[in-house]
């Protein structure tokens, strides 16, 4: 017997609408809501939510003295093309130099780490 179903993953951030727009450009979907809570309804029924967090401090990556708390793995077919797209949308590379790996690590515009994976 299950107790619950997983709802949307919620990311704290300084500007929910802007960060939802970034992920909508990366993943597709529809941005819904205004103010302190914005939802991104993704194709296939999944959702991400974005919550305003006064005093937001982005996670550090990598940092042995501070937790990154979580990260998103985003599956892609072409790492180079996906990298170009997310950088144009405002992401910044955190660990993307090793071109032999099947993943690269970036930070979204609010500083949350995410990986592009061709795994």
N, C-alpha and C. Protein backbone atom coordinates (compact mmCIF):
# COMPACT_ATOMS: atom_id res chain seq x y z
N UNK A 1 0.85 -1.18 0.00
CA UNK A 1 0.00 0.00 0.00
C UNK A 1 0.89 1.25 0.00
N UNK A 2 0.59 2.18 -0.89
CA UNK A 2 1.33 3.43 -0.90
C UNK A 2 0.63 4.46 -0.02
N UNK A 3 1.39 5.34 0.51
CA UNK A 3 0.85 6.39 1.36
C UNK A 3 0.58 7.65 0.56
N UNK A 4 1.41 7.89 -0.48
CA UNK A 4 1.29 9.14 -1.22
C UNK A 4 1.81 8.95 -2.64
N UNK A 5 1.54 9.94 -3.49
CA UNK A 5 2.11 10.01 -4.83
C UNK A 5 3.01 11.24 -4.87
N UNK A 6 4.09 11.13 -5.63
CA UNK A 6 5.00 12.25 -5.76
C UNK A 6 4.36 13.37 -6.55
N UNK A 7 4.35 14.55 -5.98
CA UNK A 7 3.88 15.74 -6.67
C UNK A 7 5.03 16.39 -7.40
N UNK A 8 4.91 17.65 -7.74
CA UNK A 8 5.99 18.31 -8.47
C UNK A 8 7.22 18.50 -7.59
N UNK A 9 8.37 18.51 -8.20
CA UNK A 9 9.59 18.93 -7.53
C UNK A 9 9.54 20.45 -7.48
N UNK A 10 9.83 21.02 -6.31
CA UNK A 10 9.72 22.47 -6.11
C UNK A 10 11.11 23.06 -5.91
N UNK A 11 11.45 24.06 -6.70
CA UNK A 11 12.73 24.73 -6.59
C UNK A 11 12.53 26.11 -5.98
N UNK A 12 13.22 26.38 -4.87
CA UNK A 12 13.26 27.74 -4.33
C UNK A 12 14.10 28.61 -5.26
N UNK A 13 13.73 29.87 -5.39
CA UNK A 13 14.47 30.76 -6.28
C UNK A 13 14.05 32.21 -6.02
N UNK A 14 14.81 33.17 -6.53
CA UNK A 14 14.44 34.56 -6.33
C UNK A 14 13.31 35.04 -7.24
N UNK A 15 13.15 34.44 -8.43
CA UNK A 15 12.15 34.88 -9.41
C UNK A 15 11.49 33.65 -10.04
N UNK A 16 10.38 33.18 -9.47
CA UNK A 16 9.75 31.94 -9.95
C UNK A 16 9.36 31.98 -11.43
N UNK A 17 8.83 33.06 -11.89
CA UNK A 17 8.39 33.14 -13.29
C UNK A 17 9.59 33.04 -14.24
N UNK A 18 10.67 33.73 -13.93
CA UNK A 18 11.85 33.70 -14.79
C UNK A 18 12.47 32.30 -14.82
N UNK A 19 12.59 31.65 -13.67
CA UNK A 19 13.19 30.33 -13.66
C UNK A 19 12.28 29.30 -14.33
N UNK A 20 10.98 29.42 -14.17
CA UNK A 20 10.05 28.55 -14.88
C UNK A 20 10.19 28.74 -16.39
N UNK A 21 10.39 29.98 -16.83
CA UNK A 21 10.60 30.26 -18.25
C UNK A 21 11.86 29.61 -18.78
N UNK A 22 12.94 29.63 -17.98
CA UNK A 22 14.18 28.96 -18.38
C UNK A 22 13.92 27.47 -18.60
N UNK A 23 13.30 26.81 -17.62
CA UNK A 23 13.06 25.36 -17.75
C UNK A 23 12.02 25.05 -18.82
N UNK A 24 11.08 25.94 -19.07
CA UNK A 24 10.13 25.73 -20.17
C UNK A 24 10.86 25.76 -21.51
N UNK A 25 11.85 26.64 -21.64
CA UNK A 25 12.62 26.70 -22.88
C UNK A 25 13.49 25.45 -23.05
N UNK A 26 13.94 24.86 -21.95
CA UNK A 26 14.77 23.66 -22.00
C UNK A 26 13.92 22.40 -22.19
N UNK A 27 12.82 22.29 -21.44
CA UNK A 27 12.04 21.05 -21.38
C UNK A 27 10.72 21.08 -22.13
N UNK A 28 10.27 22.27 -22.53
CA UNK A 28 8.93 22.39 -23.11
C UNK A 28 7.93 22.59 -21.98
N UNK A 29 6.67 22.58 -22.32
CA UNK A 29 5.64 22.71 -21.29
C UNK A 29 5.05 24.10 -21.24
N UNK A 30 4.16 24.26 -20.25
CA UNK A 30 3.39 25.49 -20.10
C UNK A 30 3.62 26.07 -18.71
N UNK A 31 3.97 27.35 -18.66
CA UNK A 31 4.16 28.05 -17.40
C UNK A 31 2.81 28.58 -16.94
N UNK A 32 2.46 28.26 -15.67
CA UNK A 32 1.18 28.70 -15.12
C UNK A 32 1.39 29.35 -13.76
N UNK A 33 0.75 30.48 -13.55
CA UNK A 33 0.81 31.13 -12.26
C UNK A 33 1.66 32.39 -12.28
N UNK A 34 1.53 33.14 -11.21
CA UNK A 34 2.25 34.40 -11.02
C UNK A 34 2.66 34.50 -9.56
N UNK A 35 3.48 35.47 -9.27
CA UNK A 35 3.80 35.76 -7.88
C UNK A 35 4.77 34.77 -7.27
N UNK A 36 4.47 34.35 -6.04
CA UNK A 36 5.39 33.54 -5.25
C UNK A 36 5.42 32.06 -5.62
N UNK A 37 4.49 31.59 -6.47
CA UNK A 37 4.45 30.17 -6.85
C UNK A 37 4.07 30.07 -8.32
N UNK A 38 4.91 29.39 -9.08
CA UNK A 38 4.66 29.20 -10.52
C UNK A 38 4.88 27.72 -10.84
N UNK A 39 3.98 27.15 -11.63
CA UNK A 39 4.10 25.76 -12.07
C UNK A 39 4.54 25.69 -13.51
N UNK A 40 5.33 24.67 -13.82
CA UNK A 40 5.66 24.33 -15.19
C UNK A 40 5.06 22.96 -15.45
N UNK A 41 4.00 22.92 -16.24
CA UNK A 41 3.34 21.67 -16.61
C UNK A 41 4.08 21.11 -17.82
N UNK A 42 4.71 19.97 -17.62
CA UNK A 42 5.55 19.36 -18.66
C UNK A 42 4.76 18.40 -19.52
N UNK A 43 5.21 18.19 -20.76
CA UNK A 43 4.59 17.17 -21.59
C UNK A 43 4.67 15.81 -20.87
N UNK A 44 3.63 15.02 -20.97
CA UNK A 44 3.63 13.72 -20.31
C UNK A 44 3.05 13.75 -18.91
N UNK A 45 2.63 14.92 -18.43
CA UNK A 45 1.96 15.00 -17.15
C UNK A 45 2.81 15.35 -15.94
N UNK A 46 4.11 15.38 -16.08
CA UNK A 46 4.95 15.76 -14.95
C UNK A 46 4.93 17.27 -14.76
N UNK A 47 5.46 17.71 -13.61
CA UNK A 47 5.47 19.15 -13.34
C UNK A 47 6.69 19.51 -12.49
N UNK A 48 7.16 20.73 -12.69
CA UNK A 48 8.12 21.36 -11.80
C UNK A 48 7.42 22.60 -11.24
N UNK A 49 7.73 22.94 -10.01
CA UNK A 49 7.16 24.15 -9.43
C UNK A 49 8.31 25.03 -8.93
N UNK A 50 8.04 26.32 -8.87
CA UNK A 50 9.05 27.30 -8.49
C UNK A 50 8.45 28.21 -7.44
N UNK A 51 9.15 28.34 -6.31
CA UNK A 51 8.65 29.07 -5.17
C UNK A 51 9.61 30.21 -4.82
N UNK A 52 9.06 31.41 -4.64
CA UNK A 52 9.89 32.54 -4.25
C UNK A 52 10.47 32.29 -2.86
N UNK A 53 11.76 32.56 -2.74
CA UNK A 53 12.45 32.36 -1.46
C UNK A 53 13.25 33.62 -1.15
N UNK A 54 12.71 34.48 -0.29
CA UNK A 54 13.46 35.67 0.10
C UNK A 54 14.80 35.26 0.71
N UNK A 55 15.85 35.93 0.31
CA UNK A 55 17.17 35.59 0.83
C UNK A 55 17.76 34.34 0.23
N UNK A 56 17.25 33.90 -0.92
CA UNK A 56 17.74 32.69 -1.56
C UNK A 56 19.25 32.74 -1.76
N UNK A 57 19.91 31.65 -1.40
CA UNK A 57 21.34 31.48 -1.63
C UNK A 57 21.51 30.23 -2.47
N UNK A 58 22.08 30.34 -3.67
CA UNK A 58 22.20 29.15 -4.51
C UNK A 58 23.13 28.11 -3.91
N UNK A 59 22.87 26.83 -4.22
CA UNK A 59 23.76 25.78 -3.73
C UNK A 59 25.15 25.94 -4.32
N UNK A 60 26.14 25.37 -3.65
CA UNK A 60 27.52 25.39 -4.14
C UNK A 60 27.80 24.04 -4.78
N UNK A 61 28.51 24.06 -5.90
CA UNK A 61 28.86 22.80 -6.55
C UNK A 61 30.23 22.90 -7.16
N UNK A 62 31.08 21.98 -7.00
CA UNK A 62 31.08 21.04 -5.87
C UNK A 62 31.65 21.74 -4.65
N UNK A 63 31.20 21.37 -3.50
CA UNK A 63 31.69 21.98 -2.27
C UNK A 63 31.61 20.95 -1.15
N UNK A 64 32.74 20.46 -0.70
CA UNK A 64 32.70 19.45 0.36
C UNK A 64 32.14 19.98 1.67
N UNK A 65 32.15 21.30 1.85
CA UNK A 65 31.64 21.88 3.09
C UNK A 65 30.20 22.37 2.98
N UNK A 66 29.56 22.20 1.83
CA UNK A 66 28.17 22.65 1.64
C UNK A 66 27.45 21.69 0.70
N UNK A 67 26.25 21.35 1.03
CA UNK A 67 25.48 20.41 0.23
C UNK A 67 24.87 21.09 -0.99
N UNK A 68 24.86 20.37 -2.13
CA UNK A 68 24.15 20.90 -3.29
C UNK A 68 22.65 20.67 -3.16
N UNK A 69 22.22 19.84 -2.23
CA UNK A 69 20.84 19.55 -1.85
C UNK A 69 20.12 18.67 -2.86
N UNK A 70 20.19 18.93 -4.11
CA UNK A 70 19.62 18.08 -5.16
C UNK A 70 20.10 18.62 -6.49
N UNK A 71 19.91 17.83 -7.54
CA UNK A 71 20.12 18.34 -8.89
C UNK A 71 19.20 17.58 -9.84
N UNK A 72 18.96 18.15 -10.99
CA UNK A 72 18.13 17.52 -12.01
C UNK A 72 19.03 16.88 -13.06
N UNK A 73 18.70 15.67 -13.49
CA UNK A 73 19.34 15.03 -14.63
C UNK A 73 18.39 15.17 -15.81
N UNK A 74 18.84 15.81 -16.87
CA UNK A 74 18.03 16.04 -18.07
C UNK A 74 18.61 15.22 -19.21
N UNK A 75 17.86 14.24 -19.68
CA UNK A 75 18.32 13.37 -20.77
C UNK A 75 18.23 14.09 -22.10
N UNK A 76 19.32 14.00 -22.89
CA UNK A 76 19.38 14.65 -24.20
C UNK A 76 19.96 13.68 -25.21
N UNK A 77 19.69 13.93 -26.48
CA UNK A 77 20.24 13.09 -27.54
C UNK A 77 21.61 13.57 -28.00
N UNK A 78 21.83 14.87 -27.98
CA UNK A 78 23.06 15.46 -28.48
C UNK A 78 23.60 16.44 -27.43
N UNK A 79 24.65 16.05 -26.73
CA UNK A 79 25.21 16.89 -25.67
C UNK A 79 25.66 18.25 -26.17
N UNK A 80 26.33 18.29 -27.31
CA UNK A 80 26.84 19.57 -27.82
C UNK A 80 25.70 20.53 -28.15
N UNK A 81 24.68 20.03 -28.82
CA UNK A 81 23.54 20.88 -29.18
C UNK A 81 22.79 21.34 -27.93
N UNK A 82 22.60 20.43 -26.98
CA UNK A 82 21.90 20.79 -25.74
C UNK A 82 22.71 21.80 -24.94
N UNK A 83 24.02 21.61 -24.89
CA UNK A 83 24.87 22.57 -24.18
C UNK A 83 24.74 23.96 -24.78
N UNK A 84 24.82 24.04 -26.08
CA UNK A 84 24.69 25.35 -26.76
C UNK A 84 23.36 26.01 -26.40
N UNK A 85 22.30 25.23 -26.42
CA UNK A 85 20.97 25.78 -26.13
C UNK A 85 20.86 26.28 -24.69
N UNK A 86 21.31 25.49 -23.71
CA UNK A 86 21.14 25.93 -22.32
C UNK A 86 22.04 27.12 -22.00
N UNK A 87 23.22 27.19 -22.61
CA UNK A 87 24.07 28.36 -22.40
C UNK A 87 23.43 29.62 -22.97
N UNK A 88 22.81 29.49 -24.13
CA UNK A 88 22.11 30.64 -24.73
C UNK A 88 20.93 31.09 -23.87
N UNK A 89 20.34 30.15 -23.11
CA UNK A 89 19.21 30.46 -22.25
C UNK A 89 19.63 31.03 -20.89
N UNK A 90 20.93 31.05 -20.60
CA UNK A 90 21.39 31.64 -19.36
C UNK A 90 22.03 30.69 -18.36
N UNK A 91 22.18 29.42 -18.72
CA UNK A 91 22.88 28.49 -17.84
C UNK A 91 24.37 28.82 -17.86
N UNK A 92 25.09 28.34 -16.84
CA UNK A 92 26.54 28.48 -16.85
C UNK A 92 27.17 27.13 -16.53
N UNK A 93 28.30 26.83 -17.15
CA UNK A 93 28.93 25.54 -16.92
C UNK A 93 29.54 25.44 -15.52
N UNK A 94 29.36 24.27 -14.90
CA UNK A 94 30.01 23.98 -13.62
C UNK A 94 31.11 22.93 -13.81
N UNK A 95 30.84 21.94 -14.64
CA UNK A 95 31.80 20.86 -14.89
C UNK A 95 31.47 20.27 -16.26
N UNK A 96 31.95 20.93 -17.30
CA UNK A 96 31.59 20.52 -18.66
C UNK A 96 32.81 20.39 -19.56
N UNK A 97 34.01 20.41 -18.97
CA UNK A 97 35.23 20.38 -19.79
C UNK A 97 35.53 19.00 -20.37
N UNK A 98 35.24 17.93 -19.62
CA UNK A 98 35.58 16.58 -20.05
C UNK A 98 34.56 16.10 -21.09
N UNK A 99 34.96 16.16 -22.35
CA UNK A 99 34.06 15.81 -23.45
C UNK A 99 33.97 14.30 -23.68
N UNK A 100 34.70 13.49 -22.90
CA UNK A 100 34.63 12.03 -23.05
C UNK A 100 33.50 11.43 -22.22
N UNK A 101 32.98 12.18 -21.25
CA UNK A 101 31.91 11.67 -20.39
C UNK A 101 30.56 11.77 -21.09
N UNK A 102 29.58 11.05 -20.56
CA UNK A 102 28.23 11.07 -21.10
C UNK A 102 27.35 12.09 -20.39
N UNK A 103 27.92 12.95 -19.58
CA UNK A 103 27.16 14.00 -18.90
C UNK A 103 28.03 15.24 -18.73
N UNK A 104 27.34 16.38 -18.54
CA UNK A 104 27.99 17.66 -18.25
C UNK A 104 27.12 18.38 -17.22
N UNK A 105 27.77 19.15 -16.35
CA UNK A 105 27.06 19.79 -15.24
C UNK A 105 27.02 21.30 -15.46
N UNK A 106 25.84 21.87 -15.21
CA UNK A 106 25.60 23.31 -15.39
C UNK A 106 24.83 23.85 -14.19
N UNK A 107 24.73 25.16 -14.10
CA UNK A 107 23.86 25.81 -13.12
C UNK A 107 22.79 26.57 -13.89
N UNK A 108 21.55 26.49 -13.42
CA UNK A 108 20.49 27.29 -14.04
C UNK A 108 20.69 28.75 -13.64
N UNK A 109 19.89 29.68 -14.16
CA UNK A 109 20.11 31.10 -13.85
C UNK A 109 20.03 31.44 -12.36
N UNK A 110 19.35 30.62 -11.56
CA UNK A 110 19.29 30.87 -10.12
C UNK A 110 20.40 30.15 -9.36
N UNK A 111 21.19 29.32 -10.06
CA UNK A 111 22.32 28.65 -9.44
C UNK A 111 22.13 27.19 -9.09
N UNK A 112 20.94 26.61 -9.37
CA UNK A 112 20.72 25.19 -9.10
C UNK A 112 21.51 24.34 -10.09
N UNK A 113 22.23 23.32 -9.62
CA UNK A 113 22.95 22.47 -10.55
C UNK A 113 22.01 21.53 -11.30
N UNK A 114 22.34 21.26 -12.56
CA UNK A 114 21.64 20.24 -13.34
C UNK A 114 22.62 19.62 -14.31
N UNK A 115 22.33 18.40 -14.69
CA UNK A 115 23.20 17.69 -15.64
C UNK A 115 22.46 17.47 -16.95
N UNK A 116 23.17 17.66 -18.04
CA UNK A 116 22.71 17.17 -19.34
C UNK A 116 23.35 15.81 -19.50
N UNK A 117 22.52 14.80 -19.77
CA UNK A 117 22.99 13.42 -19.82
C UNK A 117 22.63 12.78 -21.15
N UNK A 118 23.62 12.19 -21.82
CA UNK A 118 23.38 11.37 -23.00
C UNK A 118 23.77 9.95 -22.62
N UNK A 119 23.03 9.43 -21.65
CA UNK A 119 23.40 8.15 -21.03
C UNK A 119 22.65 6.98 -21.65
